[in-house]
Amino acid sequence: MRVVVLLCLLCVSANGQYDWNGPGRVVPDSGTNGGNACNVDQSSCGCCLMLQEMNRLKMYFDTTLTDLEEDFRKTNQSLSTLKAKRATFTAALYTGDNFRCFGPFATNSVIVYKNVFLNLGAAYSTDTGLFTVPFSGVYSLAVTSYSDSGSPGFTLAICSSLQVNGKTVAAAKDFNTNDKEDSATIVVALQLTAGDKVSVSLAKGCFLCDDNGHYNTFSAFLLYPTE
Protein backbone atom coordinates (compact mmCIF):
# COMPACT_ATOMS: atom_id res chain seq x y z
CA MET A 1 0.00 0.00 0.00
CA ARG A 2 2.81 2.44 0.88
CA VAL A 3 4.53 1.77 -2.46
CA VAL A 4 1.33 2.51 -4.36
CA VAL A 5 0.81 5.76 -2.45
CA LEU A 6 4.41 6.80 -3.12
CA LEU A 7 4.10 6.13 -6.85
CA CYS A 8 0.85 8.11 -6.96
CA LEU A 9 2.51 11.04 -5.27
CA LEU A 10 5.41 10.85 -7.71
CA CYS A 11 3.07 10.93 -10.65
CA VAL A 12 1.06 13.81 -9.16
CA SER A 13 4.32 15.67 -8.68
CA ALA A 14 5.20 15.06 -12.30
CA ASN A 15 1.86 16.54 -13.40
CA GLY A 16 2.68 19.77 -11.58
CA GLN A 17 0.25 19.57 -8.69
CA TYR A 18 3.14 19.35 -6.24
CA ASP A 19 6.73 20.44 -6.49
CA TRP A 20 8.96 17.40 -5.97
CA ASN A 21 11.92 19.61 -5.21
CA GLY A 22 10.25 21.55 -2.39
CA PRO A 23 10.41 25.33 -1.75
CA GLY A 24 13.64 27.03 -2.70
CA ARG A 25 14.98 24.01 -4.62
CA VAL A 26 15.99 24.02 -8.28
CA VAL A 27 13.54 22.24 -10.57
CA PRO A 28 15.24 19.55 -12.69
CA ASP A 29 16.27 20.78 -16.10
CA SER A 30 13.89 19.69 -18.84
CA GLY A 31 16.88 18.60 -20.87
CA THR A 32 17.87 15.92 -18.35
CA ASN A 33 16.88 12.31 -18.61
CA GLY A 34 14.25 12.83 -15.94
CA GLY A 35 12.59 15.63 -17.93
CA ASN A 36 12.66 13.64 -21.14
CA ALA A 37 11.13 10.66 -19.37
CA CYS A 38 8.28 12.83 -18.08
CA ASN A 39 7.59 14.09 -21.59
CA VAL A 40 7.65 10.61 -23.07
CA ASP A 41 6.37 8.36 -20.31
CA GLN A 42 4.42 9.90 -17.42
CA SER A 43 4.44 6.60 -15.51
CA SER A 44 8.25 6.59 -15.23
CA CYS A 45 8.60 10.28 -14.35
CA GLY A 46 8.54 9.71 -10.60
CA CYS A 47 11.26 7.08 -10.76
CA CYS A 48 13.51 9.36 -12.80
CA LEU A 49 13.00 12.22 -10.36
CA MET A 50 13.79 9.88 -7.49
CA LEU A 51 16.99 8.86 -9.26
CA GLN A 52 17.95 12.51 -9.63
CA GLU A 53 17.32 13.09 -5.94
CA MET A 54 19.40 10.04 -5.01
CA ASN A 55 22.26 11.29 -7.18
CA ARG A 56 22.04 14.70 -5.53
CA LEU A 57 22.13 13.14 -2.07
CA LYS A 58 25.05 10.92 -3.09
CA MET A 59 26.99 13.97 -4.25
CA TYR A 60 26.20 15.75 -0.97
CA PHE A 61 27.34 12.81 1.17
CA ASP A 62 30.47 12.31 -0.95
CA THR A 63 31.39 15.96 -0.46
CA THR A 64 30.71 15.75 3.29
CA LEU A 65 32.81 12.59 3.59
CA THR A 66 35.67 14.30 1.73
CA ASP A 67 35.52 17.24 4.14
CA LEU A 68 35.52 14.90 7.16
CA GLU A 69 38.50 12.99 5.79
CA GLU A 70 40.40 16.26 5.34
CA ASP A 71 39.59 17.34 8.91
CA PHE A 72 40.76 13.94 10.14
CA ARG A 73 44.01 14.29 8.19
CA LYS A 74 44.66 17.73 9.67
CA THR A 75 43.92 16.46 13.19
CA ASN A 76 46.35 13.58 12.75
CA GLN A 77 48.94 15.99 11.41
CA SER A 78 48.52 18.27 14.45
CA LEU A 79 48.80 15.28 16.80
CA SER A 80 51.99 14.14 15.05
CA THR A 81 53.42 17.64 15.40
CA LEU A 82 52.64 17.68 19.12
CA LYS A 83 54.26 14.27 19.59
CA ALA A 84 57.33 15.40 17.68
CA LYS A 85 57.60 18.46 19.93
CA ARG A 86 57.47 16.67 23.25
CA ALA A 87 59.79 18.32 25.75
CA THR A 88 59.58 17.39 29.41
CA PHE A 89 61.89 16.21 32.14
CA THR A 90 62.13 15.72 35.89
CA ALA A 91 65.36 15.13 37.74
CA ALA A 92 66.38 14.81 41.39
CA LEU A 93 69.65 15.85 42.99
CA TYR A 94 70.84 12.47 44.24
CA THR A 95 69.77 8.88 44.58
CA GLY A 96 70.75 6.15 47.00
CA ASP A 97 70.30 5.61 50.71
CA ASN A 98 73.17 7.81 51.86
CA PHE A 99 72.14 11.31 52.90
CA ARG A 100 74.57 13.86 51.46
CA CYS A 101 74.74 17.55 50.63
CA PHE A 102 75.61 19.63 47.59
CA GLY A 103 77.71 22.64 48.62
CA PRO A 104 78.51 24.97 50.15
CA PHE A 105 80.85 26.52 47.56
CA ALA A 106 82.87 29.71 47.43
CA THR A 107 81.04 30.90 44.28
CA ASN A 108 77.57 30.55 42.79
CA SER A 109 77.28 27.12 41.16
CA VAL A 110 74.90 25.44 38.74
CA ILE A 111 73.13 22.53 40.45
CA VAL A 112 73.56 19.31 38.49
CA TYR A 113 70.61 16.99 39.12
CA LYS A 114 71.88 13.47 38.51
CA ASN A 115 68.85 11.24 39.03
CA VAL A 116 66.58 11.57 35.98
CA PHE A 117 63.01 10.29 36.18
CA LEU A 118 61.92 11.45 32.74
CA ASN A 119 63.67 13.19 29.87
CA LEU A 120 61.46 13.17 26.77
CA GLY A 121 63.27 14.97 23.99
CA ALA A 122 66.64 14.55 25.79
CA ALA A 123 66.85 18.31 26.38
CA TYR A 124 68.19 18.04 29.94
CA SER A 125 71.85 17.20 30.50
CA THR A 126 73.06 15.33 33.59
CA ASP A 127 76.59 16.51 32.74
CA THR A 128 75.90 20.26 32.91
CA GLY A 129 72.56 20.55 34.73
CA LEU A 130 71.25 22.63 31.83
CA PHE A 131 67.86 22.31 30.17
CA THR A 132 68.32 23.50 26.59
CA VAL A 133 64.93 24.62 25.26
CA PRO A 134 64.25 22.56 22.10
CA PHE A 135 61.15 24.42 20.87
CA SER A 136 59.92 27.95 21.35
CA GLY A 137 56.81 28.00 23.51
CA VAL A 138 55.31 28.40 26.96
CA TYR A 139 56.88 26.13 29.58
CA SER A 140 56.03 25.18 33.13
CA LEU A 141 59.13 25.11 35.35
CA ALA A 142 59.39 23.88 38.92
CA VAL A 143 62.19 23.63 41.50
CA THR A 144 61.97 22.10 44.97
CA SER A 145 64.80 22.77 47.41
CA TYR A 146 65.57 21.13 50.74
CA SER A 147 68.43 21.42 53.22
CA ASP A 148 69.42 20.14 56.66
CA SER A 149 71.70 22.16 58.91
CA GLY A 150 73.19 18.96 60.26
CA SER A 151 72.78 19.73 63.93
CA PRO A 152 71.22 22.39 66.19
CA GLY A 153 73.03 25.72 66.20
CA PHE A 154 74.41 25.41 62.69
CA THR A 155 73.22 27.81 60.01
CA LEU A 156 70.52 26.53 57.66
CA ALA A 157 71.16 27.91 54.20
CA ILE A 158 68.78 27.24 51.30
CA CYS A 159 69.58 29.67 48.51
CA SER A 160 68.54 28.42 45.04
CA SER A 161 67.43 30.38 42.01
CA LEU A 162 65.88 29.47 38.65
CA GLN A 163 67.83 31.05 35.81
CA VAL A 164 67.35 31.51 32.08
CA ASN A 165 70.52 32.26 30.14
CA GLY A 166 72.30 33.07 33.40
CA LYS A 167 69.67 35.57 34.61
CA THR A 168 67.54 34.90 37.70
CA VAL A 169 63.79 34.76 37.08
CA ALA A 170 62.74 33.41 40.51
CA ALA A 171 64.51 32.47 43.73
CA ALA A 172 63.98 30.72 47.07
CA LYS A 173 65.90 31.56 50.21
CA ASP A 174 65.96 30.41 53.83
CA PHE A 175 69.02 31.52 55.79
CA ASN A 176 68.78 31.22 59.58
CA THR A 177 69.76 29.28 62.69
CA ASN A 178 66.24 28.73 64.01
CA ASP A 179 65.44 25.64 61.93
CA LYS A 180 67.38 22.44 61.57
CA GLU A 181 65.74 21.70 58.20
CA ASP A 182 63.49 23.47 55.74
CA SER A 183 62.30 23.43 52.13
CA ALA A 184 61.18 25.84 49.42
CA THR A 185 59.45 25.65 46.05
CA ILE A 186 59.58 27.67 42.83
CA VAL A 187 56.87 27.23 40.17
CA VAL A 188 56.58 29.52 37.14
CA ALA A 189 55.29 29.55 33.56
CA LEU A 190 57.63 31.23 31.10
CA GLN A 191 57.74 32.09 27.42
CA LEU A 192 61.00 30.56 26.21
CA THR A 193 62.83 30.55 22.88
CA ALA A 194 64.51 27.56 21.27
CA GLY A 195 68.12 27.47 22.43
CA ASP A 196 67.54 29.15 25.80
CA LYS A 197 69.51 27.63 28.67
CA VAL A 198 67.53 26.98 31.86
CA SER A 199 69.29 25.99 35.08
CA VAL A 200 69.12 26.14 38.86
CA SER A 201 71.88 28.01 40.67
CA LEU A 202 73.09 27.50 44.23
CA ALA A 203 74.28 30.72 45.86
CA LYS A 204 77.72 30.72 47.44
CA GLY A 205 77.74 29.61 51.07
CA CYS A 206 74.47 27.69 50.68
CA PHE A 207 73.88 23.96 50.41
CA LEU A 208 71.19 21.39 49.60
CA CYS A 209 70.86 17.88 51.03
CA ASP A 210 69.21 14.82 49.53
CA ASP A 211 68.89 11.05 49.50
CA ASN A 212 66.47 8.58 47.90
CA GLY A 213 63.59 10.70 49.24
CA HIS A 214 64.35 13.11 46.35
CA TYR A 215 63.69 16.34 48.24
CA ASN A 216 65.45 18.43 45.59
CA THR A 217 63.98 18.29 42.09
CA PHE A 218 64.09 20.27 38.85
CA SER A 219 61.27 19.88 36.30
CA ALA A 220 60.10 21.44 33.05
CA PHE A 221 57.51 20.64 30.42
CA LEU A 222 56.18 22.31 27.30
CA LEU A 223 52.63 23.59 27.76
CA TYR A 224 52.25 24.55 24.10
CA PRO A 225 54.60 25.54 21.25
CA THR A 226 54.46 29.01 19.70
CA GLU A 227 56.05 28.09 16.38
C-alpha atoms as a PDB file:
ATOM      1  CA  MET A   1       0.000   0.000   0.000  1.00  0.00           C
ATOM      2  CA  ARG A   2       2.810   2.435   0.877  1.00  0.00           C
ATOM      3  CA  VAL A   3       4.530   1.773  -2.457  1.00  0.00           C
ATOM      4  CA  VAL A   4       1.328   2.512  -4.359  1.00  0.00           C
ATOM      5  CA  VAL A   5       0.812   5.758  -2.454  1.00  0.00           C
ATOM      6  CA  LEU A   6       4.409   6.796  -3.122  1.00  0.00           C
ATOM      7  CA  LEU A   7       4.099   6.129  -6.850  1.00  0.00           C
ATOM      8  CA  CYS A   8       0.853   8.107  -6.958  1.00  0.00           C
ATOM      9  CA  LEU A   9       2.511  11.042  -5.268  1.00  0.00           C
ATOM     10  CA  LEU A  10       5.412  10.852  -7.712  1.00  0.00           C
ATOM     11  CA  CYS A  11       3.071  10.927 -10.649  1.00  0.00           C
ATOM     12  CA  VAL A  12       1.063  13.813  -9.163  1.00  0.00           C
ATOM     13  CA  SER A  13       4.317  15.669  -8.677  1.00  0.00           C
ATOM     14  CA  ALA A  14       5.202  15.057 -12.302  1.00  0.00           C
ATOM     15  CA  ASN A  15       1.863  16.543 -13.397  1.00  0.00           C
ATOM     16  CA  GLY A  16       2.681  19.771 -11.585  1.00  0.00           C
ATOM     17  CA  GLN A  17       0.254  19.569  -8.693  1.00  0.00           C
ATOM     18  CA  TYR A  18       3.145  19.352  -6.237  1.00  0.00           C
ATOM     19  CA  ASP A  19       6.727  20.441  -6.492  1.00  0.00           C
ATOM     20  CA  TRP A  20       8.959  17.403  -5.969  1.00  0.00           C
ATOM     21  CA  ASN A  21      11.922  19.607  -5.207  1.00  0.00           C
ATOM     22  CA  GLY A  22      10.253  21.546  -2.386  1.00  0.00           C
ATOM     23  CA  PRO A  23      10.407  25.332  -1.747  1.00  0.00           C
ATOM     24  CA  GLY A  24      13.641  27.028  -2.699  1.00  0.00           C
ATOM     25  CA  ARG A  25      14.975  24.006  -4.624  1.00  0.00           C
ATOM     26  CA  VAL A  26      15.985  24.020  -8.283  1.00  0.00           C
ATOM     27  CA  VAL A  27      13.536  22.241 -10.570  1.00  0.00           C
ATOM     28  CA  PRO A  28      15.240  19.549 -12.691  1.00  0.00           C
ATOM     29  CA  ASP A  29      16.272  20.777 -16.104  1.00  0.00           C
ATOM     30  CA  SER A  30      13.886  19.686 -18.836  1.00  0.00           C
ATOM     31  CA  GLY A  31      16.885  18.601 -20.872  1.00  0.00           C
ATOM     32  CA  THR A  32      17.871  15.917 -18.349  1.00  0.00           C
ATOM     33  CA  ASN A  33      16.877  12.312 -18.605  1.00  0.00           C
ATOM     34  CA  GLY A  34      14.248  12.834 -15.939  1.00  0.00           C
ATOM     35  CA  GLY A  35      12.594  15.627 -17.932  1.00  0.00           C
ATOM     36  CA  ASN A  36      12.656  13.645 -21.141  1.00  0.00           C
ATOM     37  CA  ALA A  37      11.132  10.660 -19.370  1.00  0.00           C
ATOM     38  CA  CYS A  38       8.282  12.828 -18.084  1.00  0.00           C
ATOM     39  CA  ASN A  39       7.593  14.091 -21.588  1.00  0.00           C
ATOM     40  CA  VAL A  40       7.654  10.606 -23.069  1.00  0.00           C
ATOM     41  CA  ASP A  41       6.365   8.357 -20.305  1.00  0.00           C
ATOM     42  CA  GLN A  42       4.416   9.897 -17.416  1.00  0.00           C
ATOM     43  CA  SER A  43       4.443   6.595 -15.507  1.00  0.00           C
ATOM     44  CA  SER A  44       8.246   6.586 -15.227  1.00  0.00           C
ATOM     45  CA  CYS A  45       8.599  10.278 -14.347  1.00  0.00           C
ATOM     46  CA  GLY A  46       8.537   9.715 -10.600  1.00  0.00           C
ATOM     47  CA  CYS A  47      11.258   7.079 -10.760  1.00  0.00           C
ATOM     48  CA  CYS A  48      13.507   9.360 -12.803  1.00  0.00           C
ATOM     49  CA  LEU A  49      13.005  12.221 -10.362  1.00  0.00           C
ATOM     50  CA  MET A  50      13.785   9.881  -7.494  1.00  0.00           C
ATOM     51  CA  LEU A  51      16.990   8.858  -9.262  1.00  0.00           C
ATOM     52  CA  GLN A  52      17.949  12.513  -9.634  1.00  0.00           C
ATOM     53  CA  GLU A  53      17.324  13.090  -5.939  1.00  0.00           C
ATOM     54  CA  MET A  54      19.404  10.038  -5.007  1.00  0.00           C
ATOM     55  CA  ASN A  55      22.261  11.292  -7.182  1.00  0.00           C
ATOM     56  CA  ARG A  56      22.044  14.699  -5.526  1.00  0.00           C
ATOM     57  CA  LEU A  57      22.133  13.136  -2.072  1.00  0.00           C
ATOM     58  CA  LYS A  58      25.052  10.915  -3.088  1.00  0.00           C
ATOM     59  CA  MET A  59      26.991  13.969  -4.246  1.00  0.00           C
ATOM     60  CA  TYR A  60      26.200  15.746  -0.972  1.00  0.00           C
ATOM     61  CA  PHE A  61      27.344  12.809   1.172  1.00  0.00           C
ATOM     62  CA  ASP A  62      30.470  12.308  -0.949  1.00  0.00           C
ATOM     63  CA  THR A  63      31.391  15.962  -0.459  1.00  0.00           C
ATOM     64  CA  THR A  64      30.707  15.749   3.287  1.00  0.00           C
ATOM     65  CA  LEU A  65      32.814  12.594   3.589  1.00  0.00           C
ATOM     66  CA  THR A  66      35.667  14.296   1.734  1.00  0.00           C
ATOM     67  CA  ASP A  67      35.516  17.235   4.143  1.00  0.00           C
ATOM     68  CA  LEU A  68      35.521  14.903   7.156  1.00  0.00           C
ATOM     69  CA  GLU A  69      38.498  12.988   5.786  1.00  0.00           C
ATOM     70  CA  GLU A  70      40.399  16.259   5.337  1.00  0.00           C
ATOM     71  CA  ASP A  71      39.592  17.340   8.910  1.00  0.00           C
ATOM     72  CA  PHE A  72      40.760  13.940  10.143  1.00  0.00           C
ATOM     73  CA  ARG A  73      44.005  14.288   8.187  1.00  0.00           C
ATOM     74  CA  LYS A  74      44.661  17.734   9.667  1.00  0.00           C
ATOM     75  CA  THR A  75      43.917  16.461  13.188  1.00  0.00           C
ATOM     76  CA  ASN A  76      46.352  13.585  12.752  1.00  0.00           C
ATOM     77  CA  GLN A  77      48.944  15.992  11.410  1.00  0.00           C
ATOM     78  CA  SER A  78      48.522  18.266  14.446  1.00  0.00           C
ATOM     79  CA  LEU A  79      48.800  15.281  16.795  1.00  0.00           C
ATOM     80  CA  SER A  80      51.985  14.135  15.055  1.00  0.00           C
ATOM     81  CA  THR A  81      53.423  17.636  15.399  1.00  0.00           C
ATOM     82  CA  LEU A  82      52.644  17.676  19.120  1.00  0.00           C
ATOM     83  CA  LYS A  83      54.257  14.269  19.590  1.00  0.00           C
ATOM     84  CA  ALA A  84      57.331  15.403  17.683  1.00  0.00           C
ATOM     85  CA  LYS A  85      57.603  18.462  19.928  1.00  0.00           C
ATOM     86  CA  ARG A  86      57.467  16.667  23.247  1.00  0.00           C
ATOM     87  CA  ALA A  87      59.786  18.319  25.749  1.00  0.00           C
ATOM     88  CA  THR A  88      59.583  17.387  29.406  1.00  0.00           C
ATOM     89  CA  PHE A  89      61.895  16.207  32.143  1.00  0.00           C
ATOM     90  CA  THR A  90      62.128  15.723  35.890  1.00  0.00           C
ATOM     91  CA  ALA A  91      65.363  15.127  37.742  1.00  0.00           C
ATOM     92  CA  ALA A  92      66.379  14.810  41.392  1.00  0.00           C
ATOM     93  CA  LEU A  93      69.650  15.855  42.995  1.00  0.00           C
ATOM     94  CA  TYR A  94      70.842  12.472  44.241  1.00  0.00           C
ATOM     95  CA  THR A  95      69.769   8.885  44.578  1.00  0.00           C
ATOM     96  CA  GLY A  96      70.747   6.153  47.004  1.00  0.00           C
ATOM     97  CA  ASP A  97      70.297   5.605  50.708  1.00  0.00           C
ATOM     98  CA  ASN A  98      73.175   7.813  51.865  1.00  0.00           C
ATOM     99  CA  PHE A  99      72.139  11.308  52.904  1.00  0.00           C
ATOM    100  CA  ARG A 100      74.567  13.859  51.462  1.00  0.00           C
ATOM    101  CA  CYS A 101      74.735  17.551  50.634  1.00  0.00           C
ATOM    102  CA  PHE A 102      75.606  19.632  47.586  1.00  0.00           C
ATOM    103  CA  GLY A 103      77.712  22.637  48.617  1.00  0.00           C
ATOM    104  CA  PRO A 104      78.515  24.973  50.154  1.00  0.00           C
ATOM    105  CA  PHE A 105      80.848  26.518  47.559  1.00  0.00           C
ATOM    106  CA  ALA A 106      82.874  29.707  47.429  1.00  0.00           C
ATOM    107  CA  THR A 107      81.037  30.896  44.283  1.00  0.00           C
ATOM    108  CA  ASN A 108      77.571  30.548  42.793  1.00  0.00           C
ATOM    109  CA  SER A 109      77.285  27.122  41.159  1.00  0.00           C
ATOM    110  CA  VAL A 110      74.897  25.439  38.743  1.00  0.00           C
ATOM    111  CA  ILE A 111      73.134  22.535  40.449  1.00  0.00           C
ATOM    112  CA  VAL A 112      73.563  19.311  38.491  1.00  0.00           C
ATOM    113  CA  TYR A 113      70.609  16.989  39.124  1.00  0.00           C
ATOM    114  CA  LYS A 114      71.883  13.467  38.510  1.00  0.00           C
ATOM    115  CA  ASN A 115      68.853  11.240  39.025  1.00  0.00           C
ATOM    116  CA  VAL A 116      66.580  11.571  35.975  1.00  0.00           C
ATOM    117  CA  PHE A 117      63.009  10.290  36.181  1.00  0.00           C
ATOM    118  CA  LEU A 118      61.916  11.447  32.744  1.00  0.00           C
ATOM    119  CA  ASN A 119      63.672  13.191  29.874  1.00  0.00           C
ATOM    120  CA  LEU A 120      61.463  13.174  26.768  1.00  0.00           C
ATOM    121  CA  GLY A 121      63.275  14.972  23.989  1.00  0.00           C
ATOM    122  CA  ALA A 122      66.638  14.548  25.792  1.00  0.00           C
ATOM    123  CA  ALA A 123      66.847  18.307  26.379  1.00  0.00           C
ATOM    124  CA  TYR A 124      68.188  18.042  29.939  1.00  0.00           C
ATOM    125  CA  SER A 125      71.855  17.202  30.496  1.00  0.00           C
ATOM    126  CA  THR A 126      73.063  15.329  33.591  1.00  0.00           C
ATOM    127  CA  ASP A 127      76.591  16.515  32.741  1.00  0.00           C
ATOM    128  CA  THR A 128      75.904  20.258  32.908  1.00  0.00           C
ATOM    129  CA  GLY A 129      72.556  20.546  34.730  1.00  0.00           C
ATOM    130  CA  LEU A 130      71.251  22.633  31.835  1.00  0.00           C
ATOM    131  CA  PHE A 131      67.859  22.309  30.167  1.00  0.00           C
ATOM    132  CA  THR A 132      68.317  23.502  26.592  1.00  0.00           C
ATOM    133  CA  VAL A 133      64.926  24.623  25.263  1.00  0.00           C
ATOM    134  CA  PRO A 134      64.252  22.558  22.101  1.00  0.00           C
ATOM    135  CA  PHE A 135      61.153  24.417  20.866  1.00  0.00           C
ATOM    136  CA  SER A 136      59.919  27.946  21.350  1.00  0.00           C
ATOM    137  CA  GLY A 137      56.809  27.996  23.513  1.00  0.00           C
ATOM    138  CA  VAL A 138      55.315  28.400  26.960  1.00  0.00           C
ATOM    139  CA  TYR A 139      56.877  26.126  29.577  1.00  0.00           C
ATOM    140  CA  SER A 140      56.025  25.182  33.132  1.00  0.00           C
ATOM    141  CA  LEU A 141      59.127  25.111  35.354  1.00  0.00           C
ATOM    142  CA  ALA A 142      59.390  23.880  38.923  1.00  0.00           C
ATOM    143  CA  VAL A 143      62.186  23.634  41.496  1.00  0.00           C
ATOM    144  CA  THR A 144      61.974  22.104  44.967  1.00  0.00           C
ATOM    145  CA  SER A 145      64.801  22.773  47.410  1.00  0.00           C
ATOM    146  CA  TYR A 146      65.572  21.128  50.742  1.00  0.00           C
ATOM    147  CA  SER A 147      68.427  21.421  53.223  1.00  0.00           C
ATOM    148  CA  ASP A 148      69.424  20.140  56.655  1.00  0.00           C
ATOM    149  CA  SER A 149      71.696  22.157  58.913  1.00  0.00           C
ATOM    150  CA  GLY A 150      73.195  18.964  60.263  1.00  0.00           C
ATOM    151  CA  SER A 151      72.775  19.731  63.929  1.00  0.00           C
ATOM    152  CA  PRO A 152      71.217  22.394  66.188  1.00  0.00           C
ATOM    153  CA  GLY A 153      73.029  25.721  66.197  1.00  0.00           C
ATOM    154  CA  PHE A 154      74.406  25.409  62.686  1.00  0.00           C
ATOM    155  CA  THR A 155      73.217  27.814  60.012  1.00  0.00           C
ATOM    156  CA  LEU A 156      70.524  26.530  57.659  1.00  0.00           C
ATOM    157  CA  ALA A 157      71.164  27.906  54.197  1.00  0.00           C
ATOM    158  CA  ILE A 158      68.776  27.237  51.297  1.00  0.00           C
ATOM    159  CA  CYS A 159      69.584  29.668  48.510  1.00  0.00           C
ATOM    160  CA  SER A 160      68.544  28.424  45.041  1.00  0.00           C
ATOM    161  CA  SER A 161      67.426  30.382  42.005  1.00  0.00           C
ATOM    162  CA  LEU A 162      65.877  29.470  38.654  1.00  0.00           C
ATOM    163  CA  GLN A 163      67.835  31.045  35.814  1.00  0.00           C
ATOM    164  CA  VAL A 164      67.355  31.511  32.085  1.00  0.00           C
ATOM    165  CA  ASN A 165      70.519  32.264  30.144  1.00  0.00           C
ATOM    166  CA  GLY A 166      72.296  33.075  33.403  1.00  0.00           C
ATOM    167  CA  LYS A 167      69.672  35.566  34.612  1.00  0.00           C
ATOM    168  CA  THR A 168      67.540  34.900  37.696  1.00  0.00           C
ATOM    169  CA  VAL A 169      63.786  34.760  37.081  1.00  0.00           C
ATOM    170  CA  ALA A 170      62.740  33.409  40.510  1.00  0.00           C
ATOM    171  CA  ALA A 171      64.507  32.469  43.730  1.00  0.00           C
ATOM    172  CA  ALA A 172      63.978  30.720  47.066  1.00  0.00           C
ATOM    173  CA  LYS A 173      65.898  31.561  50.214  1.00  0.00           C
ATOM    174  CA  ASP A 174      65.955  30.412  53.829  1.00  0.00           C
ATOM    175  CA  PHE A 175      69.020  31.517  55.785  1.00  0.00           C
ATOM    176  CA  ASN A 176      68.778  31.219  59.584  1.00  0.00           C
ATOM    177  CA  THR A 177      69.765  29.283  62.692  1.00  0.00           C
ATOM    178  CA  ASN A 178      66.245  28.731  64.008  1.00  0.00           C
ATOM    179  CA  ASP A 179      65.438  25.643  61.931  1.00  0.00           C
ATOM    180  CA  LYS A 180      67.379  22.438  61.566  1.00  0.00           C
ATOM    181  CA  GLU A 181      65.744  21.698  58.198  1.00  0.00           C
ATOM    182  CA  ASP A 182      63.495  23.471  55.742  1.00  0.00           C
ATOM    183  CA  SER A 183      62.301  23.426  52.133  1.00  0.00           C
ATOM    184  CA  ALA A 184      61.180  25.840  49.423  1.00  0.00           C
ATOM    185  CA  THR A 185      59.454  25.646  46.049  1.00  0.00           C
ATOM    186  CA  ILE A 186      59.577  27.672  42.831  1.00  0.00           C
ATOM    187  CA  VAL A 187      56.871  27.230  40.173  1.00  0.00           C
ATOM    188  CA  VAL A 188      56.583  29.518  37.137  1.00  0.00           C
ATOM    189  CA  ALA A 189      55.290  29.553  33.563  1.00  0.00           C
ATOM    190  CA  LEU A 190      57.631  31.230  31.097  1.00  0.00           C
ATOM    191  CA  GLN A 191      57.741  32.094  27.416  1.00  0.00           C
ATOM    192  CA  LEU A 192      61.004  30.556  26.208  1.00  0.00           C
ATOM    193  CA  THR A 193      62.830  30.548  22.877  1.00  0.00           C
ATOM    194  CA  ALA A 194      64.508  27.556  21.268  1.00  0.00           C
ATOM    195  CA  GLY A 195      68.125  27.466  22.425  1.00  0.00           C
ATOM    196  CA  ASP A 196      67.539  29.148  25.798  1.00  0.00           C
ATOM    197  CA  LYS A 197      69.513  27.625  28.674  1.00  0.00           C
ATOM    198  CA  VAL A 198      67.532  26.983  31.858  1.00  0.00           C
ATOM    199  CA  SER A 199      69.287  25.985  35.084  1.00  0.00           C
ATOM    200  CA  VAL A 200      69.118  26.145  38.865  1.00  0.00           C
ATOM    201  CA  SER A 201      71.881  28.008  40.665  1.00  0.00           C
ATOM    202  CA  LEU A 202      73.086  27.504  44.231  1.00  0.00           C
ATOM    203  CA  ALA A 203      74.285  30.724  45.857  1.00  0.00           C
ATOM    204  CA  LYS A 204      77.722  30.720  47.442  1.00  0.00           C
ATOM    205  CA  GLY A 205      77.739  29.613  51.075  1.00  0.00           C
ATOM    206  CA  CYS A 206      74.466  27.688  50.678  1.00  0.00           C
ATOM    207  CA  PHE A 207      73.879  23.955  50.411  1.00  0.00           C
ATOM    208  CA  LEU A 208      71.190  21.386  49.595  1.00  0.00           C
ATOM    209  CA  CYS A 209      70.862  17.884  51.028  1.00  0.00           C
ATOM    210  CA  ASP A 210      69.212  14.825  49.533  1.00  0.00           C
ATOM    211  CA  ASP A 211      68.885  11.047  49.501  1.00  0.00           C
ATOM    212  CA  ASN A 212      66.465   8.584  47.905  1.00  0.00           C
ATOM    213  CA  GLY A 213      63.589  10.699  49.236  1.00  0.00           C
ATOM    214  CA  HIS A 214      64.348  13.106  46.347  1.00  0.00           C
ATOM    215  CA  TYR A 215      63.687  16.342  48.236  1.00  0.00           C
ATOM    216  CA  ASN A 216      65.451  18.433  45.590  1.00  0.00           C
ATOM    217  CA  THR A 217      63.977  18.287  42.086  1.00  0.00           C
ATOM    218  CA  PHE A 218      64.092  20.265  38.852  1.00  0.00           C
ATOM    219  CA  SER A 219      61.271  19.885  36.297  1.00  0.00           C
ATOM    220  CA  ALA A 220      60.104  21.442  33.052  1.00  0.00           C
ATOM    221  CA  PHE A 221      57.514  20.644  30.417  1.00  0.00           C
ATOM    222  CA  LEU A 222      56.180  22.311  27.302  1.00  0.00           C
ATOM    223  CA  LEU A 223      52.634  23.590  27.760  1.00  0.00           C
ATOM    224  CA  TYR A 224      52.254  24.552  24.096  1.00  0.00           C
ATOM    225  CA  PRO A 225      54.600  25.545  21.249  1.00  0.00           C
ATOM    226  CA  THR A 226      54.459  29.009  19.700  1.00  0.00           C
ATOM    227  CA  GLU A 227      56.046  28.093  16.376  1.00  0.00           C
END
